[in-house]
Amino acid sequence: MESVYKVIEIIGTSDKSWEEAARTALETASQSVRDMRVAEVKELDLKMEEGKPIFRVKLDVSFKYQD
């Protein structure tokens, strides 16, 4: 069986952790992207806002094309 997948890039943020930033990004994307398959962490970084860190995660997410 042959399949075709598309890869998109999403970015999540959190004031608690990179894990929560990734979870937030995936949960939000899953509301509009069906049949997500694999998420790959591409980049982790922090930005400072008012002296507090904001965790950011850049993910590549694949999903299967639907007929």
Protein backbone atom coordinates (compact mmCIF):
# COMPACT_ATOMS: atom_id res chain seq x y z
CA MET A 1 0.00 0.00 0.00
CA GLU A 2 1.36 3.41 -0.99
CA SER A 3 0.85 6.55 1.04
CA VAL A 4 1.64 10.24 0.68
CA TYR A 5 2.47 12.48 3.62
CA LYS A 6 2.86 16.23 3.98
CA VAL A 7 5.16 17.89 6.52
CA ILE A 8 4.32 21.21 8.16
CA GLU A 9 6.21 23.30 10.68
CA ILE A 10 4.54 24.43 13.88
CA ILE A 11 5.85 26.39 16.87
CA GLY A 12 4.56 26.11 20.42
CA THR A 13 5.30 28.27 23.44
CA SER A 14 5.02 27.84 27.20
CA ASP A 15 6.12 29.66 30.32
CA LYS A 16 6.73 26.30 32.06
CA SER A 17 8.77 23.92 29.85
CA TRP A 18 9.72 22.80 26.36
CA GLU A 19 7.61 19.67 26.86
CA GLU A 20 4.52 21.76 27.55
CA ALA A 21 5.29 23.98 24.56
CA ALA A 22 5.42 20.89 22.31
CA ARG A 23 2.24 19.44 23.83
CA THR A 24 0.39 22.73 23.35
CA ALA A 25 1.51 22.97 19.72
CA LEU A 26 0.44 19.41 18.93
CA GLU A 27 -2.90 19.62 20.75
CA THR A 28 -3.75 22.87 18.97
CA ALA A 29 -2.67 21.57 15.54
CA SER A 30 -4.66 18.36 16.01
CA GLN A 31 -7.86 20.42 16.10
CA SER A 32 -7.46 21.28 12.42
CA VAL A 33 -4.94 18.76 11.02
CA ARG A 34 -6.26 15.22 10.79
CA ASP A 35 -4.26 12.01 10.92
CA MET A 36 -1.01 13.44 12.27
CA ARG A 37 1.69 10.77 12.30
CA VAL A 38 5.13 11.94 13.45
CA ALA A 39 6.41 15.07 15.19
CA GLU A 40 10.12 15.85 15.09
CA VAL A 41 11.66 18.50 17.33
CA LYS A 42 13.71 20.76 15.07
CA GLU A 43 14.70 23.56 17.43
CA LEU A 44 14.45 24.59 21.09
CA ASP A 45 14.97 28.14 22.25
CA LEU A 46 14.07 30.62 24.96
CA LYS A 47 13.06 34.21 24.81
CA MET A 48 12.89 36.52 27.77
CA GLU A 49 9.74 38.53 28.45
CA GLU A 50 9.73 40.82 31.47
CA GLY A 51 12.63 38.88 32.98
CA LYS A 52 10.92 35.48 32.65
CA PRO A 53 11.76 32.73 30.14
CA ILE A 54 9.32 31.68 27.43
CA PHE A 55 10.10 28.19 26.12
CA ARG A 56 9.67 27.75 22.36
CA VAL A 57 9.68 24.51 20.37
CA LYS A 58 9.77 24.27 16.58
CA LEU A 59 8.32 20.97 15.30
CA ASP A 60 8.01 19.32 11.90
CA VAL A 61 4.75 17.37 11.87
CA SER A 62 3.72 14.87 9.21
CA PHE A 63 0.19 13.90 8.33
CA LYS A 64 -1.31 11.58 5.76
CA TYR A 65 -3.16 12.96 2.74
CA GLN A 66 -6.81 11.93 2.72
CA ASP A 67 -8.66 10.76 -0.38
